[in-house]
PDB file of N, CA and C in Angstrom:
ATOM      1  N   MET A   1       8.902  22.920  -8.474  1.00  0.00           N
ATOM      2  CA  MET A   1       9.388  21.966  -7.488  1.00  0.00           C
ATOM      3  C   MET A   1      10.774  22.334  -7.000  1.00  0.00           C
ATOM      4  N   GLY A   2      11.632  22.896  -7.819  1.00  0.00           N
ATOM      5  CA  GLY A   2      12.991  23.225  -7.402  1.00  0.00           C
ATOM      6  C   GLY A   2      13.824  21.976  -7.277  1.00  0.00           C
ATOM      7  N   ASN A   3      14.856  22.022  -6.426  1.00  0.00           N
ATOM      8  CA  ASN A   3      15.719  20.862  -6.223  1.00  0.00           C
ATOM      9  C   ASN A   3      15.266  19.999  -5.061  1.00  0.00           C
ATOM     10  N   GLU A   4      14.155  20.365  -4.422  1.00  0.00           N
ATOM     11  CA  GLU A   4      13.721  19.652  -3.236  1.00  0.00           C
ATOM     12  C   GLU A   4      12.945  18.400  -3.622  1.00  0.00           C
ATOM     13  N   LEU A   5      13.373  17.256  -3.114  1.00  0.00           N
ATOM     14  CA  LEU A   5      12.693  16.001  -3.373  1.00  0.00           C
ATOM     15  C   LEU A   5      11.492  15.896  -2.444  1.00  0.00           C
ATOM     16  N   LYS A   6      10.378  15.505  -2.982  1.00  0.00           N
ATOM     17  CA  LYS A   6       9.153  15.443  -2.196  1.00  0.00           C
ATOM     18  C   LYS A   6       8.891  14.050  -1.627  1.00  0.00           C
ATOM     19  N   ILE A   7       9.936  13.246  -1.449  1.00  0.00           N
ATOM     20  CA  ILE A   7       9.800  11.936  -0.824  1.00  0.00           C
ATOM     21  C   ILE A   7      10.555  11.969   0.497  1.00  0.00           C
ATOM     22  N   LYS A   8       9.853  11.706   1.585  1.00  0.00           N
ATOM     23  CA  LYS A   8      10.475  11.638   2.909  1.00  0.00           C
ATOM     24  C   LYS A   8      10.445  10.184   3.343  1.00  0.00           C
ATOM     25  N   PRO A   9      11.599   9.506   3.370  1.00  0.00           N
ATOM     26  CA  PRO A   9      11.616   8.106   3.786  1.00  0.00           C
ATOM     27  C   PRO A   9      11.282   7.962   5.272  1.00  0.00           C
ATOM     28  N   LEU A  10      10.743   6.823   5.627  1.00  0.00           N
ATOM     29  CA  LEU A  10      10.354   6.563   7.008  1.00  0.00           C
ATOM     30  C   LEU A  10      11.414   5.731   7.719  1.00  0.00           C
ATOM     31  N   GLY A  11      11.472   5.875   9.028  1.00  0.00           N
ATOM     32  CA  GLY A  11      12.347   5.044   9.857  1.00  0.00           C
ATOM     33  C   GLY A  11      13.802   5.112   9.448  1.00  0.00           C
ATOM     34  N   ASP A  12      14.388   3.926   9.224  1.00  0.00           N
ATOM     35  CA  ASP A  12      15.820   3.849   8.921  1.00  0.00           C
ATOM     36  C   ASP A  12      16.084   3.782   7.422  1.00  0.00           C
ATOM     37  N   LYS A  13      15.196   4.361   6.630  1.00  0.00           N
ATOM     38  CA  LYS A  13      15.341   4.330   5.168  1.00  0.00           C
ATOM     39  C   LYS A  13      15.978   5.631   4.664  1.00  0.00           C
ATOM     40  N   ILE A  14      16.660   5.516   3.515  1.00  0.00           N
ATOM     41  CA  ILE A  14      17.213   6.685   2.833  1.00  0.00           C
ATOM     42  C   ILE A  14      16.843   6.604   1.356  1.00  0.00           C
ATOM     43  N   VAL A  15      16.789   7.758   0.705  1.00  0.00           N
ATOM     44  CA  VAL A  15      16.567   7.826  -0.741  1.00  0.00           C
ATOM     45  C   VAL A  15      17.876   8.272  -1.368  1.00  0.00           C
ATOM     46  N   ILE A  16      18.324   7.529  -2.390  1.00  0.00           N
ATOM     47  CA  ILE A  16      19.547   7.909  -3.087  1.00  0.00           C
ATOM     48  C   ILE A  16      19.280   8.025  -4.578  1.00  0.00           C
ATOM     49  N   LYS A  17      20.088   8.828  -5.224  1.00  0.00           N
ATOM     50  CA  LYS A  17      20.101   8.905  -6.687  1.00  0.00           C
ATOM     51  C   LYS A  17      21.344   8.138  -7.107  1.00  0.00           C
ATOM     52  N   VAL A  18      21.127   7.041  -7.826  1.00  0.00           N
ATOM     53  CA  VAL A  18      22.223   6.167  -8.229  1.00  0.00           C
ATOM     54  C   VAL A  18      23.152   6.912  -9.178  1.00  0.00           C
ATOM     55  N   ILE A  19      24.448   6.764  -8.958  1.00  0.00           N
ATOM     56  CA  ILE A  19      25.463   7.376  -9.817  1.00  0.00           C
ATOM     57  C   ILE A  19      25.879   6.343 -10.850  1.00  0.00           C
ATOM     58  N   GLU A  20      25.494   6.600 -12.087  1.00  0.00           N
ATOM     59  CA  GLU A  20      25.849   5.708 -13.198  1.00  0.00           C
ATOM     60  C   GLU A  20      27.222   6.130 -13.715  1.00  0.00           C
ATOM     61  N   GLU A  21      28.085   5.164 -13.905  1.00  0.00           N
ATOM     62  CA  GLU A  21      29.401   5.466 -14.445  1.00  0.00           C
ATOM     63  C   GLU A  21      29.563   4.753 -15.774  1.00  0.00           C
ATOM     64  N   THR A  22      30.103   5.436 -16.766  1.00  0.00           N
ATOM     65  CA  THR A  22      30.368   4.805 -18.046  1.00  0.00           C
ATOM     66  C   THR A  22      31.497   3.810 -17.854  1.00  0.00           C
ATOM     67  N   GLU A  23      31.284   2.610 -18.322  1.00  0.00           N
ATOM     68  CA  GLU A  23      32.282   1.571 -18.148  1.00  0.00           C
ATOM     69  C   GLU A  23      32.939   1.288 -19.495  1.00  0.00           C
ATOM     70  N   THR A  24      34.259   1.396 -19.520  1.00  0.00           N
ATOM     71  CA  THR A  24      35.024   1.159 -20.735  1.00  0.00           C
ATOM     72  C   THR A  24      36.050   0.070 -20.467  1.00  0.00           C
ATOM     73  N   THR A  25      36.186  -0.851 -21.405  1.00  0.00           N
ATOM     74  CA  THR A  25      37.186  -1.912 -21.240  1.00  0.00           C
ATOM     75  C   THR A  25      38.578  -1.328 -21.460  1.00  0.00           C
ATOM     76  N   THR A  26      39.607  -2.112 -21.133  1.00  0.00           N
ATOM     77  CA  THR A  26      40.978  -1.639 -21.327  1.00  0.00           C
ATOM     78  C   THR A  26      41.273  -1.404 -22.798  1.00  0.00           C
ATOM     79  N   GLY A  27      40.536  -2.053 -23.688  1.00  0.00           N
ATOM     80  CA  GLY A  27      40.713  -1.847 -25.132  1.00  0.00           C
ATOM     81  C   GLY A  27      39.960  -0.645 -25.663  1.00  0.00           C
ATOM     82  N   GLY A  28      39.225   0.063 -24.800  1.00  0.00           N
ATOM     83  CA  GLY A  28      38.525   1.270 -25.207  1.00  0.00           C
ATOM     84  C   GLY A  28      37.086   1.053 -25.649  1.00  0.00           C
ATOM     85  N   ILE A  29      36.547  -0.149 -25.456  1.00  0.00           N
ATOM     86  CA  ILE A  29      35.168  -0.431 -25.844  1.00  0.00           C
ATOM     87  C   ILE A  29      34.237   0.001 -24.712  1.00  0.00           C
ATOM     88  N   ILE A  30      33.237   0.830 -25.041  1.00  0.00           N
ATOM     89  CA  ILE A  30      32.256   1.270 -24.049  1.00  0.00           C
ATOM     90  C   ILE A  30      31.190   0.191 -23.944  1.00  0.00           C
ATOM     91  N   LEU A  31      30.981  -0.300 -22.723  1.00  0.00           N
ATOM     92  CA  LEU A  31      30.019  -1.376 -22.493  1.00  0.00           C
ATOM     93  C   LEU A  31      28.597  -0.830 -22.401  1.00  0.00           C
ATOM     94  N   PRO A  32      27.637  -1.488 -23.048  1.00  0.00           N
ATOM     95  CA  PRO A  32      26.238  -1.069 -22.917  1.00  0.00           C
ATOM     96  C   PRO A  32      25.704  -1.396 -21.529  1.00  0.00           C
ATOM     97  N   ASP A  33      24.581  -0.771 -21.162  1.00  0.00           N
ATOM     98  CA  ASP A  33      23.983  -0.993 -19.839  1.00  0.00           C
ATOM     99  C   ASP A  33      23.779  -2.465 -19.533  1.00  0.00           C
ATOM    100  N   SER A  34      23.347  -3.239 -20.513  1.00  0.00           N
ATOM    101  CA  SER A  34      23.044  -4.652 -20.279  1.00  0.00           C
ATOM    102  C   SER A  34      24.281  -5.479 -19.931  1.00  0.00           C
ATOM    103  N   ALA A  35      25.466  -5.012 -20.279  1.00  0.00           N
ATOM    104  CA  ALA A  35      26.695  -5.768 -20.030  1.00  0.00           C
ATOM    105  C   ALA A  35      27.418  -5.304 -18.769  1.00  0.00           C
ATOM    106  N   ARG A  36      26.939  -4.220 -18.154  1.00  0.00           N
ATOM    107  CA  ARG A  36      27.618  -3.667 -16.985  1.00  0.00           C
ATOM    108  C   ARG A  36      27.083  -4.254 -15.690  1.00  0.00           C
ATOM    109  N   GLU A  37      27.921  -4.185 -14.674  1.00  0.00           N
ATOM    110  CA  GLU A  37      27.493  -4.542 -13.323  1.00  0.00           C
ATOM    111  C   GLU A  37      26.501  -3.480 -12.845  1.00  0.00           C
ATOM    112  N   LYS A  38      25.611  -3.876 -11.932  1.00  0.00           N
ATOM    113  CA  LYS A  38      24.687  -2.911 -11.356  1.00  0.00           C
ATOM    114  C   LYS A  38      25.495  -1.886 -10.561  1.00  0.00           C
ATOM    115  N   PRO A  39      25.181  -0.587 -10.698  1.00  0.00           N
ATOM    116  CA  PRO A  39      25.914   0.416  -9.925  1.00  0.00           C
ATOM    117  C   PRO A  39      25.658   0.241  -8.435  1.00  0.00           C
ATOM    118  N   GLN A  40      26.666   0.551  -7.662  1.00  0.00           N
ATOM    119  CA  GLN A  40      26.559   0.393  -6.214  1.00  0.00           C
ATOM    120  C   GLN A  40      26.952   1.672  -5.488  1.00  0.00           C
ATOM    121  N   LYS A  41      26.833   2.793  -6.176  1.00  0.00           N
ATOM    122  CA  LYS A  41      27.212   4.068  -5.589  1.00  0.00           C
ATOM    123  C   LYS A  41      26.081   5.051  -5.847  1.00  0.00           C
ATOM    124  N   GLY A  42      25.784   5.883  -4.844  1.00  0.00           N
ATOM    125  CA  GLY A  42      24.721   6.855  -5.024  1.00  0.00           C
ATOM    126  C   GLY A  42      24.852   8.030  -4.075  1.00  0.00           C
ATOM    127  N   LYS A  43      24.181   9.130  -4.439  1.00  0.00           N
ATOM    128  CA  LYS A  43      24.174  10.341  -3.617  1.00  0.00           C
ATOM    129  C   LYS A  43      22.908  10.343  -2.776  1.00  0.00           C
ATOM    130  N   VAL A  44      23.066  10.577  -1.465  1.00  0.00           N
ATOM    131  CA  VAL A  44      21.933  10.604  -0.547  1.00  0.00           C
ATOM    132  C   VAL A  44      21.112  11.863  -0.814  1.00  0.00           C
ATOM    133  N   ILE A  45      19.828  11.660  -1.107  1.00  0.00           N
ATOM    134  CA  ILE A  45      18.918  12.757  -1.431  1.00  0.00           C
ATOM    135  C   ILE A  45      18.018  13.103  -0.249  1.00  0.00           C
ATOM    136  N   SER A  46      17.606  12.084   0.510  1.00  0.00           N
ATOM    137  CA  SER A  46      16.703  12.293   1.637  1.00  0.00           C
ATOM    138  C   SER A  46      16.947  11.194   2.678  1.00  0.00           C
ATOM    139  N   VAL A  47      16.776  11.534   3.954  1.00  0.00           N
ATOM    140  CA  VAL A  47      17.068  10.608   5.051  1.00  0.00           C
ATOM    141  C   VAL A  47      15.872  10.548   5.990  1.00  0.00           C
ATOM    142  N   GLY A  48      15.512   9.322   6.410  1.00  0.00           N
ATOM    143  CA  GLY A  48      14.429   9.142   7.377  1.00  0.00           C
ATOM    144  C   GLY A  48      14.848   9.581   8.770  1.00  0.00           C
ATOM    145  N   GLY A  49      13.925   9.494   9.711  1.00  0.00           N
ATOM    146  CA  GLY A  49      14.168   9.950  11.075  1.00  0.00           C
ATOM    147  C   GLY A  49      14.957   8.987  11.939  1.00  0.00           C
ATOM    148  N   GLY A  50      15.200   7.785  11.464  1.00  0.00           N
ATOM    149  CA  GLY A  50      15.944   6.798  12.238  1.00  0.00           C
ATOM    150  C   GLY A  50      15.027   5.730  12.804  1.00  0.00           C
ATOM    151  N   ARG A  51      15.610   4.600  13.131  1.00  0.00           N
ATOM    152  CA  ARG A  51      14.852   3.473  13.676  1.00  0.00           C
ATOM    153  C   ARG A  51      14.490   3.751  15.128  1.00  0.00           C
ATOM    154  N   THR A  52      13.259   3.389  15.501  1.00  0.00           N
ATOM    155  CA  THR A  52      12.825   3.546  16.885  1.00  0.00           C
ATOM    156  C   THR A  52      13.307   2.341  17.691  1.00  0.00           C
ATOM    157  N   LEU A  53      14.046   2.620  18.752  1.00  0.00           N
ATOM    158  CA  LEU A  53      14.583   1.569  19.617  1.00  0.00           C
ATOM    159  C   LEU A  53      13.512   1.088  20.592  1.00  0.00           C
ATOM    160  N   ASP A  54      13.762  -0.030  21.237  1.00  0.00           N
ATOM    161  CA  ASP A  54      12.805  -0.601  22.188  1.00  0.00           C
ATOM    162  C   ASP A  54      12.450   0.366  23.315  1.00  0.00           C
ATOM    163  N   ASN A  55      13.390   1.235  23.704  1.00  0.00           N
ATOM    164  CA  ASN A  55      13.130   2.193  24.782  1.00  0.00           C
ATOM    165  C   ASN A  55      12.403   3.448  24.301  1.00  0.00           C
ATOM    166  N   GLY A  56      12.058   3.504  23.000  1.00  0.00           N
ATOM    167  CA  GLY A  56      11.319   4.641  22.461  1.00  0.00           C
ATOM    168  C   GLY A  56      12.187   5.723  21.842  1.00  0.00           C
ATOM    169  N   ASN A  57      13.494   5.674  22.084  1.00  0.00           N
ATOM    170  CA  ASN A  57      14.406   6.663  21.496  1.00  0.00           C
ATOM    171  C   ASN A  57      14.649   6.339  20.027  1.00  0.00           C
ATOM    172  N   LYS A  58      15.086   7.345  19.281  1.00  0.00           N
ATOM    173  CA  LYS A  58      15.436   7.154  17.869  1.00  0.00           C
ATOM    174  C   LYS A  58      16.930   6.915  17.747  1.00  0.00           C
ATOM    175  N   GLU A  59      17.287   5.900  16.954  1.00  0.00           N
ATOM    176  CA  GLU A  59      18.689   5.651  16.647  1.00  0.00           C
ATOM    177  C   GLU A  59      19.106   6.658  15.582  1.00  0.00           C
ATOM    178  N   PRO A  60      20.156   7.452  15.817  1.00  0.00           N
ATOM    179  CA  PRO A  60      20.542   8.464  14.828  1.00  0.00           C
ATOM    180  C   PRO A  60      21.014   7.818  13.523  1.00  0.00           C
ATOM    181  N   MET A  61      20.722   8.472  12.410  1.00  0.00           N
ATOM    182  CA  MET A  61      21.153   7.987  11.101  1.00  0.00           C
ATOM    183  C   MET A  61      22.639   8.288  10.935  1.00  0.00           C
ATOM    184  N   GLU A  62      23.347   7.388  10.257  1.00  0.00           N
ATOM    185  CA  GLU A  62      24.786   7.525  10.091  1.00  0.00           C
ATOM    186  C   GLU A  62      25.168   8.233   8.796  1.00  0.00           C
ATOM    187  N   VAL A  63      24.191   8.569   7.971  1.00  0.00           N
ATOM    188  CA  VAL A  63      24.468   9.272   6.720  1.00  0.00           C
ATOM    189  C   VAL A  63      23.682  10.570   6.683  1.00  0.00           C
ATOM    190  N   ASN A  64      24.170  11.508   5.890  1.00  0.00           N
ATOM    191  CA  ASN A  64      23.529  12.810   5.742  1.00  0.00           C
ATOM    192  C   ASN A  64      23.243  13.091   4.273  1.00  0.00           C
ATOM    193  N   VAL A  65      22.270  13.957   4.033  1.00  0.00           N
ATOM    194  CA  VAL A  65      21.943  14.371   2.678  1.00  0.00           C
ATOM    195  C   VAL A  65      23.196  14.961   2.022  1.00  0.00           C
ATOM    196  N   GLY A  66      23.446  14.565   0.774  1.00  0.00           N
ATOM    197  CA  GLY A  66      24.590  15.076   0.019  1.00  0.00           C
ATOM    198  C   GLY A  66      25.786  14.151   0.008  1.00  0.00           C
ATOM    199  N   GLU A  67      25.851  13.202   0.935  1.00  0.00           N
ATOM    200  CA  GLU A  67      26.978  12.267   0.966  1.00  0.00           C
ATOM    201  C   GLU A  67      26.828  11.223  -0.137  1.00  0.00           C
ATOM    202  N   VAL A  68      27.955  10.704  -0.602  1.00  0.00           N
ATOM    203  CA  VAL A  68      27.962   9.637  -1.597  1.00  0.00           C
ATOM    204  C   VAL A  68      28.281   8.341  -0.867  1.00  0.00           C
ATOM    205  N   VAL A  69      27.417   7.335  -1.070  1.00  0.00           N
ATOM    206  CA  VAL A  69      27.546   6.078  -0.334  1.00  0.00           C
ATOM    207  C   VAL A  69      27.700   4.888  -1.279  1.00  0.00           C
ATOM    208  N   LEU A  70      28.291   3.832  -0.751  1.00  0.00           N
ATOM    209  CA  LEU A  70      28.328   2.530  -1.419  1.00  0.00           C
ATOM    210  C   LEU A  70      27.249   1.679  -0.779  1.00  0.00           C
ATOM    211  N   PHE A  71      26.524   0.915  -1.600  1.00  0.00           N
ATOM    212  CA  PHE A  71      25.461   0.095  -1.053  1.00  0.00           C
ATOM    213  C   PHE A  71      25.521  -1.319  -1.614  1.00  0.00           C
ATOM    214  N   THR A  72      24.811  -2.242  -0.975  1.00  0.00           N
ATOM    215  CA  THR A  72      24.819  -3.632  -1.409  1.00  0.00           C
ATOM    216  C   THR A  72      24.253  -3.752  -2.814  1.00  0.00           C
ATOM    217  N   LYS A  73      24.759  -4.712  -3.549  1.00  0.00           N
ATOM    218  CA  LYS A  73      24.450  -4.875  -4.966  1.00  0.00           C
ATOM    219  C   LYS A  73      22.959  -4.970  -5.270  1.00  0.00           C
ATOM    220  N   TYR A  74      22.226  -5.741  -4.498  1.00  0.00           N
ATOM    221  CA  TYR A  74      20.806  -5.934  -4.783  1.00  0.00           C
ATOM    222  C   TYR A  74      19.910  -5.343  -3.706  1.00  0.00           C
ATOM    223  N   GLY A  75      20.446  -4.420  -2.916  1.00  0.00           N
ATOM    224  CA  GLY A  75      19.672  -3.822  -1.835  1.00  0.00           C
ATOM    225  C   GLY A  75      18.681  -2.779  -2.323  1.00  0.00           C
ATOM    226  N   GLY A  76      17.650  -2.577  -1.539  1.00  0.00           N
ATOM    227  CA  GLY A  76      16.717  -1.498  -1.773  1.00  0.00           C
ATOM    228  C   GLY A  76      15.681  -1.752  -2.849  1.00  0.00           C
ATOM    229  N   SER A  77      14.876  -0.726  -3.082  1.00  0.00           N
ATOM    230  CA  SER A  77      13.809  -0.768  -4.080  1.00  0.00           C
ATOM    231  C   SER A  77      14.005   0.378  -5.052  1.00  0.00           C
ATOM    232  N   ASP A  78      13.884   0.080  -6.345  1.00  0.00           N
ATOM    233  CA  ASP A  78      13.998   1.113  -7.369  1.00  0.00           C
ATOM    234  C   ASP A  78      12.645   1.785  -7.536  1.00  0.00           C
ATOM    235  N   ILE A  79      12.652   3.125  -7.590  1.00  0.00           N
ATOM    236  CA  ILE A  79      11.421   3.874  -7.827  1.00  0.00           C
ATOM    237  C   ILE A  79      11.692   4.944  -8.879  1.00  0.00           C
ATOM    238  N   LYS A  80      10.640   5.379  -9.539  1.00  0.00           N
ATOM    239  CA  LYS A  80      10.735   6.493 -10.484  1.00  0.00           C
ATOM    240  C   LYS A  80       9.764   7.555  -9.989  1.00  0.00           C
ATOM    241  N   PHE A  81      10.263   8.770  -9.791  1.00  0.00           N
ATOM    242  CA  PHE A  81       9.448   9.863  -9.265  1.00  0.00           C
ATOM    243  C   PHE A  81       9.700  11.100 -10.100  1.00  0.00           C
ATOM    244  N   GLU A  82       8.635  11.618 -10.703  1.00  0.00           N
ATOM    245  CA  GLU A  82       8.706  12.808 -11.553  1.00  0.00           C
ATOM    246  C   GLU A  82       9.803  12.675 -12.605  1.00  0.00           C
ATOM    247  N   GLY A  83       9.892  11.489 -13.229  1.00  0.00           N
ATOM    248  CA  GLY A  83      10.810  11.263 -14.332  1.00  0.00           C
ATOM    249  C   GLY A  83      12.240  10.930 -13.953  1.00  0.00           C
ATOM    250  N   THR A  84      12.552  10.891 -12.671  1.00  0.00           N
ATOM    251  CA  THR A  84      13.910  10.586 -12.223  1.00  0.00           C
ATOM    252  C   THR A  84      13.895   9.278 -11.440  1.00  0.00           C
ATOM    253  N   GLU A  85      14.935   8.459 -11.647  1.00  0.00           N
ATOM    254  CA  GLU A  85      15.021   7.185 -10.940  1.00  0.00           C
ATOM    255  C   GLU A  85      15.812   7.334  -9.647  1.00  0.00           C
ATOM    256  N   TYR A  86      15.257   6.752  -8.590  1.00  0.00           N
ATOM    257  CA  TYR A  86      15.866   6.760  -7.266  1.00  0.00           C
ATOM    258  C   TYR A  86      15.865   5.341  -6.728  1.00  0.00           C
ATOM    259  N   LYS A  87      16.530   5.166  -5.611  1.00  0.00           N
ATOM    260  CA  LYS A  87      16.532   3.888  -4.903  1.00  0.00           C
ATOM    261  C   LYS A  87      16.264   4.206  -3.433  1.00  0.00           C
ATOM    262  N   ILE A  88      15.369   3.436  -2.813  1.00  0.00           N
ATOM    263  CA  ILE A  88      15.120   3.567  -1.375  1.00  0.00           C
ATOM    264  C   ILE A  88      15.781   2.377  -0.704  1.00  0.00           C
ATOM    265  N   LEU A  89      16.688   2.673   0.227  1.00  0.00           N
ATOM    266  CA  LEU A  89      17.468   1.649   0.918  1.00  0.00           C
ATOM    267  C   LEU A  89      17.248   1.736   2.417  1.00  0.00           C
ATOM    268  N   SER A  90      17.400   0.607   3.078  1.00  0.00           N
ATOM    269  CA  SER A  90      17.510   0.606   4.521  1.00  0.00           C
ATOM    270  C   SER A  90      18.951   0.984   4.848  1.00  0.00           C
ATOM    271  N   ILE A  91      19.175   1.620   5.956  1.00  0.00           N
ATOM    272  CA  ILE A  91      20.528   2.032   6.331  1.00  0.00           C
ATOM    273  C   ILE A  91      21.447   0.817   6.439  1.00  0.00           C
ATOM    274  N   ARG A  92      20.914  -0.356   6.727  1.00  0.00           N
ATOM    275  CA  ARG A  92      21.753  -1.561   6.821  1.00  0.00           C
ATOM    276  C   ARG A  92      22.257  -2.015   5.460  1.00  0.00           C
ATOM    277  N   ASP A  93      21.676  -1.506   4.352  1.00  0.00           N
ATOM    278  CA  ASP A  93      22.171  -1.813   3.012  1.00  0.00           C
ATOM    279  C   ASP A  93      23.334  -0.919   2.598  1.00  0.00           C
ATOM    280  N   VAL A  94      23.619   0.098   3.399  1.00  0.00           N
ATOM    281  CA  VAL A  94      24.728   1.011   3.104  1.00  0.00           C
ATOM    282  C   VAL A  94      26.006   0.401   3.678  1.00  0.00           C
ATOM    283  N   LEU A  95      27.024   0.287   2.803  1.00  0.00           N
ATOM    284  CA  LEU A  95      28.293  -0.320   3.215  1.00  0.00           C
ATOM    285  C   LEU A  95      29.298   0.708   3.717  1.00  0.00           C
ATOM    286  N   GLY A  96      29.220   1.925   3.194  1.00  0.00           N
ATOM    287  CA  GLY A  96      30.172   2.950   3.614  1.00  0.00           C
ATOM    288  C   GLY A  96      29.918   4.264   2.908  1.00  0.00           C
ATOM    289  N   ILE A  97      30.599   5.292   3.379  1.00  0.00           N
ATOM    290  CA  ILE A  97      30.503   6.644   2.821  1.00  0.00           C
ATOM    291  C   ILE A  97      31.798   6.931   2.086  1.00  0.00           C
ATOM    292  N   ILE A  98      31.695   7.453   0.871  1.00  0.00           N
ATOM    293  CA  ILE A  98      32.885   7.823   0.096  1.00  0.00           C
ATOM    294  C   ILE A  98      33.242   9.255   0.467  1.00  0.00           C
ATOM    295  N   GLU A  99      34.466   9.441   0.949  1.00  0.00           N
ATOM    296  CA  GLU A  99      34.905  10.779   1.373  1.00  0.00           C
ATOM    297  C   GLU A  99      35.832  11.386   0.353  1.00  0.00           C
TER     298      GLU A  99
END
């Protein structure tokens, strides 16, 4: 398979790989997954073709493969593909690009 993801999102959807960060309190205690906030940062793995406008044209996507984005806390759908967890989001669930 290589590094190529075999999921092509449709329309204004993107596939991201969520970036998990270890969370440590100021006292040095590492928090378990159950005590942490849901991650809201991910790397764009695949991008759809864009939303079709009423005039038939495609609205260009504002993100590109490889960019790291912030997304809404409960946005998108979690999927597992070939042992790896991804999230499929609508572009409207993306809050910004981390540069």
